């Protein structure tokens, strides 16, 4: 299990170490990545070349209208439940978008 100290706003103060990283080119159809490991409770998402939207869950489907957006050349750390998956989608106006998802352990 990830054990991070939190600041007063409940934001992780640091990352113990980085685990498995998955990379993908995002398309205009929602595509899921492999399930997170049994001990993963935080992930780092990084996006390049164009923004995209993401969804997290047991069987997520990302939507350009209802899913959170991660901006171009941005990264975020997000809490997850072990075994969940993440899905990504880009809208047609975005030429290209690539993402990496790293499990923080």
Protein backbone atom coordinates (compact mmCIF):
# COMPACT_ATOMS: atom_id res chain seq x y z
CA UNK A 1 0.00 0.00 0.00
CA UNK A 2 1.24 3.50 -0.78
CA UNK A 3 1.94 5.42 2.40
CA UNK A 4 2.47 9.12 1.80
CA UNK A 5 2.45 11.96 4.26
CA UNK A 6 -0.23 14.51 3.41
CA UNK A 7 -0.15 18.27 3.76
CA UNK A 8 -3.09 20.14 5.40
CA UNK A 9 -4.93 20.06 2.02
CA UNK A 10 -4.58 16.27 1.83
CA UNK A 11 -2.02 16.48 -1.02
CA UNK A 12 0.84 13.97 -1.05
CA UNK A 13 4.12 15.51 0.11
CA UNK A 14 6.30 13.16 -1.89
CA UNK A 15 6.52 9.97 -3.83
CA UNK A 16 8.15 6.92 -2.32
CA UNK A 17 9.14 5.40 -5.65
CA UNK A 18 7.79 4.92 -9.12
CA UNK A 19 6.49 1.55 -10.24
CA UNK A 20 5.10 0.30 -13.53
CA UNK A 21 4.60 2.86 -16.31
CA UNK A 22 2.17 2.43 -19.19
CA UNK A 23 2.31 4.67 -22.29
CA UNK A 24 -0.27 5.13 -25.03
CA UNK A 25 -1.25 7.28 -27.96
CA UNK A 26 -4.74 8.60 -27.28
CA UNK A 27 -7.40 8.24 -29.99
CA UNK A 28 -10.94 9.52 -30.56
CA UNK A 29 -12.30 6.30 -29.03
CA UNK A 30 -12.07 5.56 -25.30
CA UNK A 31 -9.29 3.06 -24.66
CA UNK A 32 -8.53 1.39 -21.31
CA UNK A 33 -5.08 0.66 -19.96
CA UNK A 34 -4.08 -2.37 -17.87
CA UNK A 35 -5.39 -2.61 -14.30
CA UNK A 36 -3.31 -1.03 -11.54
CA UNK A 37 -1.34 -3.30 -9.23
CA UNK A 38 -2.65 -4.77 -5.98
CA UNK A 39 -0.74 -2.19 -3.89
CA UNK A 40 -1.29 0.93 -6.01
CA UNK A 41 -3.25 3.76 -4.39
CA UNK A 42 -1.73 6.71 -6.29
CA UNK A 43 -0.87 7.22 -9.95
CA UNK A 44 0.86 9.95 -11.92
CA UNK A 45 -0.70 10.87 -15.27
CA UNK A 46 1.39 12.88 -17.76
CA UNK A 47 0.03 14.17 -21.06
CA UNK A 48 1.96 15.50 -24.08
CA UNK A 49 1.23 16.73 -27.61
CA UNK A 50 -2.41 17.63 -26.91
CA UNK A 51 -4.96 17.52 -24.10
CA UNK A 52 -7.17 14.51 -23.40
CA UNK A 53 -9.90 13.32 -21.03
CA UNK A 54 -9.73 10.39 -18.62
CA UNK A 55 -11.95 8.16 -16.49
CA UNK A 56 -10.98 5.79 -13.67
CA UNK A 57 -12.93 2.77 -12.45
CA UNK A 58 -13.45 -0.98 -12.72
CA UNK A 59 -14.45 -0.71 -16.39
CA UNK A 60 -14.08 3.00 -17.27
CA UNK A 61 -15.14 4.74 -20.47
CA UNK A 62 -13.66 8.21 -20.99
CA UNK A 63 -15.89 10.91 -22.51
CA UNK A 64 -14.97 14.26 -24.04
CA UNK A 65 -18.08 15.81 -22.49
CA UNK A 66 -18.19 14.35 -18.96
CA UNK A 67 -14.67 13.16 -18.05
CA UNK A 68 -11.96 15.32 -16.44
CA UNK A 69 -9.43 16.90 -18.79
CA UNK A 70 -5.66 16.80 -18.44
CA UNK A 71 -3.95 19.58 -20.35
CA UNK A 72 -1.13 19.38 -22.83
CA UNK A 73 2.28 19.07 -21.13
CA UNK A 74 0.63 18.64 -17.72
CA UNK A 75 0.87 15.96 -15.06
CA UNK A 76 -1.32 15.07 -12.10
CA UNK A 77 -1.18 12.68 -9.17
CA UNK A 78 -4.50 10.97 -8.50
CA UNK A 79 -5.73 8.57 -5.83
CA UNK A 80 -6.99 5.21 -7.12
CA UNK A 81 -8.10 1.87 -5.77
CA UNK A 82 -5.91 -1.18 -6.46
CA UNK A 83 -7.15 -3.09 -9.50
CA UNK A 84 -8.91 -0.11 -11.11
CA UNK A 85 -8.19 0.91 -14.70
CA UNK A 86 -7.86 4.23 -16.49
CA UNK A 87 -9.26 5.10 -19.91
CA UNK A 88 -8.38 8.02 -22.20
CA UNK A 89 -9.98 9.79 -25.16
CA UNK A 90 -9.17 12.90 -27.21
CA UNK A 91 -11.57 15.07 -29.14
CA UNK A 92 -11.32 15.28 -32.93
CA UNK A 93 -9.87 18.82 -32.80
CA UNK A 94 -6.73 17.52 -31.06
CA UNK A 95 -4.22 16.34 -33.65
CA UNK A 96 -2.31 13.99 -31.38
CA UNK A 97 -2.09 13.18 -27.68
CA UNK A 98 0.15 10.80 -25.78
CA UNK A 99 -0.03 9.82 -22.12
CA UNK A 100 1.95 7.92 -19.54
CA UNK A 101 0.48 6.48 -16.36
CA UNK A 102 2.95 5.61 -13.59
CA UNK A 103 1.98 3.68 -10.48
CA UNK A 104 3.41 5.31 -7.35
CA UNK A 105 4.47 2.82 -4.72
